[in-house]
Amino acid sequence: DGSSFKVDPPSDKKAQDLHPVLHASLLSFPNWQQLLDASVGTAPAVNVEWPVQKFVSHSGSGTGLLFEVLWQSGDVSWEPLGNGKHLDALASYLEALGVDSITSLP
């Protein structure tokens, strides 16, 4: 949809399990550097908050669970749980649906 791009990380970062497809809003130098730092442990990944406005909906379950994400930039993308499970926006989404965990999603 034009809002995500596949990148080729530096060779010394490839072994760090950095996902090669990133949302366009993460591709400015400070954000890219933050991703690289977080992937090698120099910055705690838990404190990284991506520019998400909110989770809009979800589809699937288990390992196929996807979330429709509205980014602060106005773009919308479908993201797997692993890309957003640490975000405050996910907790807000679950609360809005009246469920206490991902496994309770309808």
PDB file of N, CA and C in Angstrom:
ATOM      1  N   ASP A   1       0.816  -1.202   0.000  1.00  0.00           N
ATOM      2  CA  ASP A   1       0.000   0.000   0.000  1.00  0.00           C
ATOM      3  C   ASP A   1       0.854   1.259   0.000  1.00  0.00           C
ATOM      4  N   GLY A   2       2.178   1.127  -0.128  1.00  0.00           N
ATOM      5  CA  GLY A   2       3.063   2.278  -0.217  1.00  0.00           C
ATOM      6  C   GLY A   2       3.484   2.849   1.112  1.00  0.00           C
ATOM      7  N   SER A   3       2.994   2.293   2.227  1.00  0.00           N
ATOM      8  CA  SER A   3       3.365   2.849   3.522  1.00  0.00           C
ATOM      9  C   SER A   3       4.427   2.020   4.232  1.00  0.00           C
ATOM     10  N   SER A   4       4.825   0.897   3.642  1.00  0.00           N
ATOM     11  CA  SER A   4       5.868   0.060   4.220  1.00  0.00           C
ATOM     12  C   SER A   4       6.926  -0.215   3.164  1.00  0.00           C
ATOM     13  N   PHE A   5       8.165  -0.343   3.621  1.00  0.00           N
ATOM     14  CA  PHE A   5       9.282  -0.534   2.714  1.00  0.00           C
ATOM     15  C   PHE A   5      10.208  -1.615   3.237  1.00  0.00           C
ATOM     16  N   LYS A   6      10.774  -2.377   2.313  1.00  0.00           N
ATOM     17  CA  LYS A   6      11.777  -3.371   2.682  1.00  0.00           C
ATOM     18  C   LYS A   6      13.136  -2.679   2.638  1.00  0.00           C
ATOM     19  N   VAL A   7      13.893  -2.832   3.703  1.00  0.00           N
ATOM     20  CA  VAL A   7      15.201  -2.194   3.793  1.00  0.00           C
ATOM     21  C   VAL A   7      16.290  -3.257   3.881  1.00  0.00           C
ATOM     22  N   ASP A   8      17.486  -2.857   3.560  1.00  0.00           N
ATOM     23  CA  ASP A   8      18.633  -3.736   3.651  1.00  0.00           C
ATOM     24  C   ASP A   8      19.533  -3.179   4.758  1.00  0.00           C
ATOM     25  N   PRO A   9      19.393  -3.719   5.992  1.00  0.00           N
ATOM     26  CA  PRO A   9      20.189  -3.188   7.102  1.00  0.00           C
ATOM     27  C   PRO A   9      21.677  -3.432   6.888  1.00  0.00           C
ATOM     28  N   PRO A  10      22.515  -2.657   7.558  1.00  0.00           N
ATOM     29  CA  PRO A  10      23.962  -2.880   7.458  1.00  0.00           C
ATOM     30  C   PRO A  10      24.298  -4.333   7.810  1.00  0.00           C
ATOM     31  N   SER A  11      25.338  -4.869   7.191  1.00  0.00           N
ATOM     32  CA  SER A  11      25.675  -6.285   7.363  1.00  0.00           C
ATOM     33  C   SER A  11      25.908  -6.664   8.825  1.00  0.00           C
ATOM     34  N   ASP A  12      26.445  -5.743   9.633  1.00  0.00           N
ATOM     35  CA  ASP A  12      26.690  -6.072  11.034  1.00  0.00           C
ATOM     36  C   ASP A  12      25.396  -6.116  11.854  1.00  0.00           C
ATOM     37  N   LYS A  13      24.272  -5.655  11.274  1.00  0.00           N
ATOM     38  CA  LYS A  13      22.995  -5.664  11.984  1.00  0.00           C
ATOM     39  C   LYS A  13      22.069  -6.779  11.513  1.00  0.00           C
ATOM     40  N   LYS A  14      22.380  -7.404  10.375  1.00  0.00           N
ATOM     41  CA  LYS A  14      21.500  -8.423   9.806  1.00  0.00           C
ATOM     42  C   LYS A  14      21.295  -9.600  10.739  1.00  0.00           C
ATOM     43  N   ALA A  15      22.292  -9.980  11.483  1.00  0.00           N
ATOM     44  CA  ALA A  15      22.183 -11.126  12.381  1.00  0.00           C
ATOM     45  C   ALA A  15      21.439 -10.782  13.665  1.00  0.00           C
ATOM     46  N   GLN A  16      21.004  -9.546  13.818  1.00  0.00           N
ATOM     47  CA  GLN A  16      20.344  -9.119  15.051  1.00  0.00           C
ATOM     48  C   GLN A  16      18.831  -9.307  15.017  1.00  0.00           C
ATOM     49  N   ASP A  17      18.302  -9.998  14.004  1.00  0.00           N
ATOM     50  CA  ASP A  17      16.878 -10.298  13.903  1.00  0.00           C
ATOM     51  C   ASP A  17      16.036  -9.032  13.730  1.00  0.00           C
ATOM     52  N   LEU A  18      16.546  -8.076  12.980  1.00  0.00           N
ATOM     53  CA  LEU A  18      15.813  -6.862  12.676  1.00  0.00           C
ATOM     54  C   LEU A  18      14.891  -7.137  11.505  1.00  0.00           C
ATOM     55  N   HIS A  19      13.592  -6.909  11.668  1.00  0.00           N
ATOM     56  CA  HIS A  19      12.628  -7.163  10.599  1.00  0.00           C
ATOM     57  C   HIS A  19      12.920  -6.221   9.442  1.00  0.00           C
ATOM     58  N   PRO A  20      13.033  -6.741   8.208  1.00  0.00           N
ATOM     59  CA  PRO A  20      13.444  -5.907   7.071  1.00  0.00           C
ATOM     60  C   PRO A  20      12.333  -5.046   6.474  1.00  0.00           C
ATOM     61  N   VAL A  21      11.062  -5.228   6.899  1.00  0.00           N
ATOM     62  CA  VAL A  21       9.977  -4.415   6.358  1.00  0.00           C
ATOM     63  C   VAL A  21       9.534  -3.442   7.439  1.00  0.00           C
ATOM     64  N   LEU A  22       9.624  -2.153   7.121  1.00  0.00           N
ATOM     65  CA  LEU A  22       9.339  -1.111   8.093  1.00  0.00           C
ATOM     66  C   LEU A  22       8.315  -0.130   7.556  1.00  0.00           C
ATOM     67  N   HIS A  23       7.530   0.441   8.447  1.00  0.00           N
ATOM     68  CA  HIS A  23       6.589   1.494   8.074  1.00  0.00           C
ATOM     69  C   HIS A  23       7.379   2.737   7.677  1.00  0.00           C
ATOM     70  N   ALA A  24       6.862   3.478   6.709  1.00  0.00           N
ATOM     71  CA  ALA A  24       7.557   4.650   6.181  1.00  0.00           C
ATOM     72  C   ALA A  24       7.915   5.657   7.271  1.00  0.00           C
ATOM     73  N   SER A  25       7.078   5.784   8.286  1.00  0.00           N
ATOM     74  CA  SER A  25       7.348   6.771   9.335  1.00  0.00           C
ATOM     75  C   SER A  25       8.579   6.424  10.166  1.00  0.00           C
ATOM     76  N   LEU A  26       9.078   5.197  10.056  1.00  0.00           N
ATOM     77  CA  LEU A  26      10.246   4.779  10.829  1.00  0.00           C
ATOM     78  C   LEU A  26      11.547   4.945  10.060  1.00  0.00           C
ATOM     79  N   LEU A  27      11.474   5.438   8.831  1.00  0.00           N
ATOM     80  CA  LEU A  27      12.661   5.451   7.995  1.00  0.00           C
ATOM     81  C   LEU A  27      13.470   6.738   8.052  1.00  0.00           C
ATOM     82  N   SER A  28      13.087   7.686   8.876  1.00  0.00           N
ATOM     83  CA  SER A  28      13.960   8.846   9.051  1.00  0.00           C
ATOM     84  C   SER A  28      15.185   8.376   9.828  1.00  0.00           C
ATOM     85  N   PHE A  29      16.297   9.052   9.691  1.00  0.00           N
ATOM     86  CA  PHE A  29      17.533   8.583  10.310  1.00  0.00           C
ATOM     87  C   PHE A  29      17.406   8.341  11.814  1.00  0.00           C
ATOM     88  N   PRO A  30      16.831   9.284  12.600  1.00  0.00           N
ATOM     89  CA  PRO A  30      16.769   9.018  14.046  1.00  0.00           C
ATOM     90  C   PRO A  30      15.992   7.741  14.368  1.00  0.00           C
ATOM     91  N   ASN A  31      14.876   7.494  13.665  1.00  0.00           N
ATOM     92  CA  ASN A  31      14.098   6.292  13.936  1.00  0.00           C
ATOM     93  C   ASN A  31      14.834   5.039  13.491  1.00  0.00           C
ATOM     94  N   TRP A  32      15.482   5.075  12.342  1.00  0.00           N
ATOM     95  CA  TRP A  32      16.245   3.929  11.851  1.00  0.00           C
ATOM     96  C   TRP A  32      17.368   3.608  12.829  1.00  0.00           C
ATOM     97  N   GLN A  33      18.052   4.645  13.293  1.00  0.00           N
ATOM     98  CA  GLN A  33      19.135   4.429  14.257  1.00  0.00           C
ATOM     99  C   GLN A  33      18.582   3.861  15.558  1.00  0.00           C
ATOM    100  N   GLN A  34      17.398   4.322  15.974  1.00  0.00           N
ATOM    101  CA  GLN A  34      16.772   3.812  17.184  1.00  0.00           C
ATOM    102  C   GLN A  34      16.448   2.324  17.026  1.00  0.00           C
ATOM    103  N   LEU A  35      15.969   1.932  15.849  1.00  0.00           N
ATOM    104  CA  LEU A  35      15.696   0.518  15.603  1.00  0.00           C
ATOM    105  C   LEU A  35      16.967  -0.308  15.687  1.00  0.00           C
ATOM    106  N   LEU A  36      18.019   0.175  15.073  1.00  0.00           N
ATOM    107  CA  LEU A  36      19.288  -0.553  15.103  1.00  0.00           C
ATOM    108  C   LEU A  36      19.810  -0.659  16.519  1.00  0.00           C
ATOM    109  N   ASP A  37      19.765   0.433  17.270  1.00  0.00           N
ATOM    110  CA  ASP A  37      20.236   0.417  18.652  1.00  0.00           C
ATOM    111  C   ASP A  37      19.415  -0.555  19.500  1.00  0.00           C
ATOM    112  N   ALA A  38      18.089  -0.524  19.327  1.00  0.00           N
ATOM    113  CA  ALA A  38      17.223  -1.401  20.103  1.00  0.00           C
ATOM    114  C   ALA A  38      17.482  -2.859  19.760  1.00  0.00           C
ATOM    115  N   SER A  39      17.791  -3.129  18.492  1.00  0.00           N
ATOM    116  CA  SER A  39      17.982  -4.514  18.085  1.00  0.00           C
ATOM    117  C   SER A  39      19.257  -5.121  18.651  1.00  0.00           C
ATOM    118  N   VAL A  40      20.231  -4.294  19.003  1.00  0.00           N
ATOM    119  CA  VAL A  40      21.473  -4.826  19.553  1.00  0.00           C
ATOM    120  C   VAL A  40      21.580  -4.575  21.054  1.00  0.00           C
ATOM    121  N   GLY A  41      20.537  -4.037  21.640  1.00  0.00           N
ATOM    122  CA  GLY A  41      20.487  -3.903  23.084  1.00  0.00           C
ATOM    123  C   GLY A  41      21.090  -2.634  23.654  1.00  0.00           C
ATOM    124  N   THR A  42      21.486  -1.667  22.843  1.00  0.00           N
ATOM    125  CA  THR A  42      22.051  -0.452  23.404  1.00  0.00           C
ATOM    126  C   THR A  42      20.975   0.497  23.902  1.00  0.00           C
ATOM    127  N   ALA A  43      19.747   0.287  23.457  1.00  0.00           N
ATOM    128  CA  ALA A  43      18.606   1.039  23.974  1.00  0.00           C
ATOM    129  C   ALA A  43      17.535   0.009  24.309  1.00  0.00           C
ATOM    130  N   PRO A  44      16.889   0.112  25.455  1.00  0.00           N
ATOM    131  CA  PRO A  44      15.905  -0.902  25.823  1.00  0.00           C
ATOM    132  C   PRO A  44      14.704  -0.861  24.883  1.00  0.00           C
ATOM    133  N   ALA A  45      14.442  -1.979  24.186  1.00  0.00           N
ATOM    134  CA  ALA A  45      13.355  -2.047  23.211  1.00  0.00           C
ATOM    135  C   ALA A  45      11.996  -1.794  23.855  1.00  0.00           C
ATOM    136  N   VAL A  46      11.858  -2.097  25.129  1.00  0.00           N
ATOM    137  CA  VAL A  46      10.592  -1.890  25.815  1.00  0.00           C
ATOM    138  C   VAL A  46      10.205  -0.419  25.817  1.00  0.00           C
ATOM    139  N   ASN A  47      11.169   0.483  25.844  1.00  0.00           N
ATOM    140  CA  ASN A  47      10.888   1.915  25.893  1.00  0.00           C
ATOM    141  C   ASN A  47      10.659   2.542  24.524  1.00  0.00           C
ATOM    142  N   VAL A  48      10.762   1.749  23.459  1.00  0.00           N
ATOM    143  CA  VAL A  48      10.560   2.281  22.123  1.00  0.00           C
ATOM    144  C   VAL A  48       9.062   2.317  21.839  1.00  0.00           C
ATOM    145  N   GLU A  49       8.511   3.494  21.618  1.00  0.00           N
ATOM    146  CA  GLU A  49       7.098   3.652  21.315  1.00  0.00           C
ATOM    147  C   GLU A  49       6.970   4.163  19.890  1.00  0.00           C
ATOM    148  N   TRP A  50       6.455   3.331  19.006  1.00  0.00           N
ATOM    149  CA  TRP A  50       6.307   3.717  17.612  1.00  0.00           C
ATOM    150  C   TRP A  50       5.195   4.750  17.490  1.00  0.00           C
ATOM    151  N   PRO A  51       5.205   5.533  16.439  1.00  0.00           N
ATOM    152  CA  PRO A  51       4.214   6.611  16.272  1.00  0.00           C
ATOM    153  C   PRO A  51       2.841   6.083  15.862  1.00  0.00           C
ATOM    154  N   VAL A  52       2.193   5.337  16.748  1.00  0.00           N
ATOM    155  CA  VAL A  52       0.879   4.749  16.488  1.00  0.00           C
ATOM    156  C   VAL A  52      -0.186   5.641  17.111  1.00  0.00           C
ATOM    157  N   GLN A  53      -1.205   5.949  16.315  1.00  0.00           N
ATOM    158  CA  GLN A  53      -2.335   6.696  16.866  1.00  0.00           C
ATOM    159  C   GLN A  53      -3.263   5.747  17.611  1.00  0.00           C
ATOM    160  N   LYS A  54      -3.641   4.637  16.927  1.00  0.00           N
ATOM    161  CA  LYS A  54      -4.471   3.637  17.592  1.00  0.00           C
ATOM    162  C   LYS A  54      -4.557   2.366  16.765  1.00  0.00           C
ATOM    163  N   PHE A  55      -4.980   1.301  17.430  1.00  0.00           N
ATOM    164  CA  PHE A  55      -5.309   0.060  16.760  1.00  0.00           C
ATOM    165  C   PHE A  55      -6.776   0.177  16.365  1.00  0.00           C
ATOM    166  N   VAL A  56      -7.088  -0.122  15.105  1.00  0.00           N
ATOM    167  CA  VAL A  56      -8.435   0.084  14.577  1.00  0.00           C
ATOM    168  C   VAL A  56      -9.270  -1.194  14.649  1.00  0.00           C
ATOM    169  N   SER A  57      -8.674  -2.307  14.256  1.00  0.00           N
ATOM    170  CA  SER A  57      -9.381  -3.586  14.263  1.00  0.00           C
ATOM    171  C   SER A  57      -8.364  -4.720  14.261  1.00  0.00           C
ATOM    172  N   HIS A  58      -8.884  -5.938  14.229  1.00  0.00           N
ATOM    173  CA  HIS A  58      -7.995  -7.099  14.156  1.00  0.00           C
ATOM    174  C   HIS A  58      -8.629  -8.172  13.287  1.00  0.00           C
ATOM    175  N   SER A  59      -7.806  -9.115  12.883  1.00  0.00           N
ATOM    176  CA  SER A  59      -8.273 -10.219  12.058  1.00  0.00           C
ATOM    177  C   SER A  59      -7.427 -11.441  12.382  1.00  0.00           C
ATOM    178  N   GLY A  60      -8.047 -12.602  12.342  1.00  0.00           N
ATOM    179  CA  GLY A  60      -7.322 -13.830  12.586  1.00  0.00           C
ATOM    180  C   GLY A  60      -7.170 -14.131  14.064  1.00  0.00           C
ATOM    181  N   SER A  61      -6.357 -15.146  14.334  1.00  0.00           N
ATOM    182  CA  SER A  61      -6.102 -15.540  15.722  1.00  0.00           C
ATOM    183  C   SER A  61      -4.780 -16.285  15.787  1.00  0.00           C
ATOM    184  N   GLY A  62      -4.314 -16.503  16.993  1.00  0.00           N
ATOM    185  CA  GLY A  62      -3.063 -17.236  17.196  1.00  0.00           C
ATOM    186  C   GLY A  62      -1.914 -16.600  16.444  1.00  0.00           C
ATOM    187  N   THR A  63      -1.129 -17.412  15.752  1.00  0.00           N
ATOM    188  CA  THR A  63       0.030 -16.892  15.022  1.00  0.00           C
ATOM    189  C   THR A  63      -0.382 -16.091  13.790  1.00  0.00           C
ATOM    190  N   GLY A  64      -1.646 -16.207  13.374  1.00  0.00           N
ATOM    191  CA  GLY A  64      -2.143 -15.443  12.222  1.00  0.00           C
ATOM    192  C   GLY A  64      -2.829 -14.149  12.609  1.00  0.00           C
ATOM    193  N   LEU A  65      -2.744 -13.768  13.881  1.00  0.00           N
ATOM    194  CA  LEU A  65      -3.400 -12.555  14.357  1.00  0.00           C
ATOM    195  C   LEU A  65      -2.743 -11.307  13.760  1.00  0.00           C
ATOM    196  N   LEU A  66      -3.570 -10.453  13.152  1.00  0.00           N
ATOM    197  CA  LEU A  66      -3.106  -9.187  12.574  1.00  0.00           C
ATOM    198  C   LEU A  66      -3.922  -8.048  13.152  1.00  0.00           C
ATOM    199  N   PHE A  67      -3.274  -6.899  13.280  1.00  0.00           N
ATOM    200  CA  PHE A  67      -3.953  -5.705  13.762  1.00  0.00           C
ATOM    201  C   PHE A  67      -3.888  -4.612  12.712  1.00  0.00           C
ATOM    202  N   GLU A  68      -5.026  -3.953  12.506  1.00  0.00           N
ATOM    203  CA  GLU A  68      -5.062  -2.791  11.625  1.00  0.00           C
ATOM    204  C   GLU A  68      -4.623  -1.596  12.464  1.00  0.00           C
ATOM    205  N   VAL A  69      -3.524  -0.953  12.043  1.00  0.00           N
ATOM    206  CA  VAL A  69      -2.913   0.116  12.821  1.00  0.00           C
ATOM    207  C   VAL A  69      -3.054   1.445  12.086  1.00  0.00           C
ATOM    208  N   LEU A  70      -3.549   2.447  12.790  1.00  0.00           N
ATOM    209  CA  LEU A  70      -3.577   3.816  12.272  1.00  0.00           C
ATOM    210  C   LEU A  70      -2.369   4.526  12.859  1.00  0.00           C
ATOM    211  N   TRP A  71      -1.452   4.918  11.971  1.00  0.00           N
ATOM    212  CA  TRP A  71      -0.221   5.585  12.388  1.00  0.00           C
ATOM    213  C   TRP A  71      -0.461   7.079  12.538  1.00  0.00           C
ATOM    214  N   GLN A  72       0.362   7.749  13.331  1.00  0.00           N
ATOM    215  CA  GLN A  72       0.255   9.197  13.520  1.00  0.00           C
ATOM    216  C   GLN A  72       0.330   9.937  12.183  1.00  0.00           C
ATOM    217  N   SER A  73       1.006   9.357  11.212  1.00  0.00           N
ATOM    218  CA  SER A  73       1.155   9.971   9.893  1.00  0.00           C
ATOM    219  C   SER A  73      -0.141   9.922   9.087  1.00  0.00           C
ATOM    220  N   GLY A  74      -1.129   9.137   9.554  1.00  0.00           N
ATOM    221  CA  GLY A  74      -2.379   8.976   8.832  1.00  0.00           C
ATOM    222  C   GLY A  74      -2.425   7.704   8.001  1.00  0.00           C
ATOM    223  N   ASP A  75      -1.281   7.046   7.828  1.00  0.00           N
ATOM    224  CA  ASP A  75      -1.234   5.782   7.097  1.00  0.00           C
ATOM    225  C   ASP A  75      -1.883   4.682   7.931  1.00  0.00           C
ATOM    226  N   VAL A  76      -2.365   3.654   7.249  1.00  0.00           N
ATOM    227  CA  VAL A  76      -2.949   2.489   7.901  1.00  0.00           C
ATOM    228  C   VAL A  76      -2.244   1.256   7.357  1.00  0.00           C
ATOM    229  N   SER A  77      -1.894   0.327   8.238  1.00  0.00           N
ATOM    230  CA  SER A  77      -1.283  -0.926   7.799  1.00  0.00           C
ATOM    231  C   SER A  77      -1.758  -2.058   8.697  1.00  0.00           C
ATOM    232  N   TRP A  78      -1.633  -3.272   8.192  1.00  0.00           N
ATOM    233  CA  TRP A  78      -1.932  -4.463   8.976  1.00  0.00           C
ATOM    234  C   TRP A  78      -0.610  -5.012   9.499  1.00  0.00           C
ATOM    235  N   GLU A  79      -0.528  -5.200  10.804  1.00  0.00           N
ATOM    236  CA  GLU A  79       0.717  -5.613  11.442  1.00  0.00           C
ATOM    237  C   GLU A  79       0.506  -6.867  12.277  1.00  0.00           C
ATOM    238  N   PRO A  80       1.485  -7.779  12.266  1.00  0.00           N
ATOM    239  CA  PRO A  80       1.389  -8.954  13.142  1.00  0.00           C
ATOM    240  C   PRO A  80       1.568  -8.548  14.604  1.00  0.00           C
ATOM    241  N   LEU A  81       1.087  -9.389  15.484  1.00  0.00           N
ATOM    242  CA  LEU A  81       1.164  -9.118  16.922  1.00  0.00           C
ATOM    243  C   LEU A  81       2.567  -8.755  17.371  1.00  0.00           C
ATOM    244  N   GLY A  82       3.572  -9.429  16.866  1.00  0.00           N
ATOM    245  CA  GLY A  82       4.948  -9.182  17.276  1.00  0.00           C
ATOM    246  C   GLY A  82       5.404  -7.751  17.045  1.00  0.00           C
ATOM    247  N   ASN A  83       4.802  -7.060  16.094  1.00  0.00           N
ATOM    248  CA  ASN A  83       5.178  -5.675  15.820  1.00  0.00           C
ATOM    249  C   ASN A  83       4.519  -4.683  16.757  1.00  0.00           C
ATOM    250  N   GLY A  84       3.541  -5.134  17.554  1.00  0.00           N
ATOM    251  CA  GLY A  84       2.836  -4.162  18.381  1.00  0.00           C
ATOM    252  C   GLY A  84       2.487  -4.599  19.776  1.00  0.00           C
ATOM    253  N   LYS A  85       2.953  -5.780  20.183  1.00  0.00           N
ATOM    254  CA  LYS A  85       2.511  -6.290  21.481  1.00  0.00           C
ATOM    255  C   LYS A  85       3.005  -5.462  22.661  1.00  0.00           C
ATOM    256  N   HIS A  86       4.038  -4.652  22.471  1.00  0.00           N
ATOM    257  CA  HIS A  86       4.565  -3.834  23.566  1.00  0.00           C
ATOM    258  C   HIS A  86       3.988  -2.407  23.582  1.00  0.00           C
ATOM    259  N   LEU A  87       3.120  -2.072  22.637  1.00  0.00           N
ATOM    260  CA  LEU A  87       2.629  -0.699  22.511  1.00  0.00           C
ATOM    261  C   LEU A  87       1.466  -0.406  23.446  1.00  0.00           C
ATOM    262  N   ASP A  88       1.449   0.795  23.990  1.00  0.00           N
ATOM    263  CA  ASP A  88       0.337   1.241  24.826  1.00  0.00           C
ATOM    264  C   ASP A  88      -0.971   1.218  24.048  1.00  0.00           C
ATOM    265  N   ALA A  89      -0.906   1.482  22.740  1.00  0.00           N
ATOM    266  CA  ALA A  89      -2.114   1.507  21.909  1.00  0.00           C
ATOM    267  C   ALA A  89      -2.806   0.144  21.896  1.00  0.00           C
ATOM    268  N   LEU A  90      -2.061  -0.949  22.019  1.00  0.00           N
ATOM    269  CA  LEU A  90      -2.681  -2.274  22.055  1.00  0.00           C
ATOM    270  C   LEU A  90      -3.478  -2.444  23.342  1.00  0.00           C
ATOM    271  N   ALA A  91      -2.923  -2.004  24.456  1.00  0.00           N
ATOM    272  CA  ALA A  91      -3.647  -2.090  25.727  1.00  0.00           C
ATOM    273  C   ALA A  91      -4.931  -1.279  25.660  1.00  0.00           C
ATOM    274  N   SER A  92      -4.879  -0.115  25.029  1.00  0.00           N
ATOM    275  CA  SER A  92      -6.073   0.723  24.875  1.00  0.00           C
ATOM    276  C   SER A  92      -7.110   0.031  23.998  1.00  0.00           C
ATOM    277  N   TYR A  93      -6.659  -0.633  22.951  1.00  0.00           N
ATOM    278  CA  TYR A  93      -7.562  -1.362  22.052  1.00  0.00           C
ATOM    279  C   TYR A  93      -8.263  -2.497  22.805  1.00  0.00           C
ATOM    280  N   LEU A  94      -7.494  -3.270  23.554  1.00  0.00           N
ATOM    281  CA  LEU A  94      -8.084  -4.368  24.326  1.00  0.00           C
ATOM    282  C   LEU A  94      -9.095  -3.842  25.339  1.00  0.00           C
ATOM    283  N   GLU A  95      -8.750  -2.751  25.990  1.00  0.00           N
ATOM    284  CA  GLU A  95      -9.650  -2.143  26.972  1.00  0.00           C
ATOM    285  C   GLU A  95     -10.942  -1.682  26.306  1.00  0.00           C
ATOM    286  N   ALA A  96     -10.835  -1.063  25.136  1.00  0.00           N
ATOM    287  CA  ALA A  96     -12.019  -0.582  24.412  1.00  0.00           C
ATOM    288  C   ALA A  96     -12.939  -1.743  24.024  1.00  0.00           C
ATOM    289  N   LEU A  97     -12.360  -2.909  23.756  1.00  0.00           N
ATOM    290  CA  LEU A  97     -13.157  -4.088  23.416  1.00  0.00           C
ATOM    291  C   LEU A  97     -13.666  -4.827  24.655  1.00  0.00           C
ATOM    292  N   GLY A  98     -13.187  -4.415  25.826  1.00  0.00           N
ATOM    293  CA  GLY A  98     -13.630  -5.039  27.069  1.00  0.00           C
ATOM    294  C   GLY A  98     -13.018  -6.398  27.323  1.00  0.00           C
ATOM    295  N   VAL A  99     -11.814  -6.614  26.791  1.00  0.00           N
ATOM    296  CA  VAL A  99     -11.120  -7.878  27.037  1.00  0.00           C
ATOM    297  C   VAL A  99      -9.811  -7.600  27.765  1.00  0.00           C
ATOM    298  N   ASP A 100      -9.343  -8.572  28.521  1.00  0.00           N
ATOM    299  CA  ASP A 100      -8.132  -8.348  29.306  1.00  0.00           C
ATOM    300  C   ASP A 100      -6.884  -8.954  28.700  1.00  0.00           C
ATOM    301  N   SER A 101      -7.031  -9.711  27.610  1.00  0.00           N
ATOM    302  CA  SER A 101      -5.849 -10.281  26.980  1.00  0.00           C
ATOM    303  C   SER A 101      -6.124 -10.547  25.500  1.00  0.00           C
ATOM    304  N   ILE A 102      -5.059 -10.751  24.759  1.00  0.00           N
ATOM    305  CA  ILE A 102      -5.156 -11.026  23.322  1.00  0.00           C
ATOM    306  C   ILE A 102      -5.921 -12.326  23.083  1.00  0.00           C
ATOM    307  N   THR A 103      -5.752 -13.289  23.962  1.00  0.00           N
ATOM    308  CA  THR A 103      -6.417 -14.576  23.780  1.00  0.00           C
ATOM    309  C   THR A 103      -7.937 -14.468  23.951  1.00  0.00           C
ATOM    310  N   SER A 104      -8.410 -13.359  24.516  1.00  0.00           N
ATOM    311  CA  SER A 104      -9.845 -13.149  24.713  1.00  0.00           C
ATOM    312  C   SER A 104     -10.499 -12.361  23.590  1.00  0.00           C
ATOM    313  N   LEU A 105      -9.726 -12.004  22.556  1.00  0.00           N
ATOM    314  CA  LEU A 105     -10.300 -11.246  21.455  1.00  0.00           C
ATOM    315  C   LEU A 105     -11.367 -12.043  20.739  1.00  0.00           C
ATOM    316  N   PRO A 106     -12.465 -11.376  20.346  1.00  0.00           N
ATOM    317  CA  PRO A 106     -13.530 -12.091  19.622  1.00  0.00           C
ATOM    318  C   PRO A 106     -13.076 -12.463  18.208  1.00  0.00           C
TER     319      PRO A 106
END
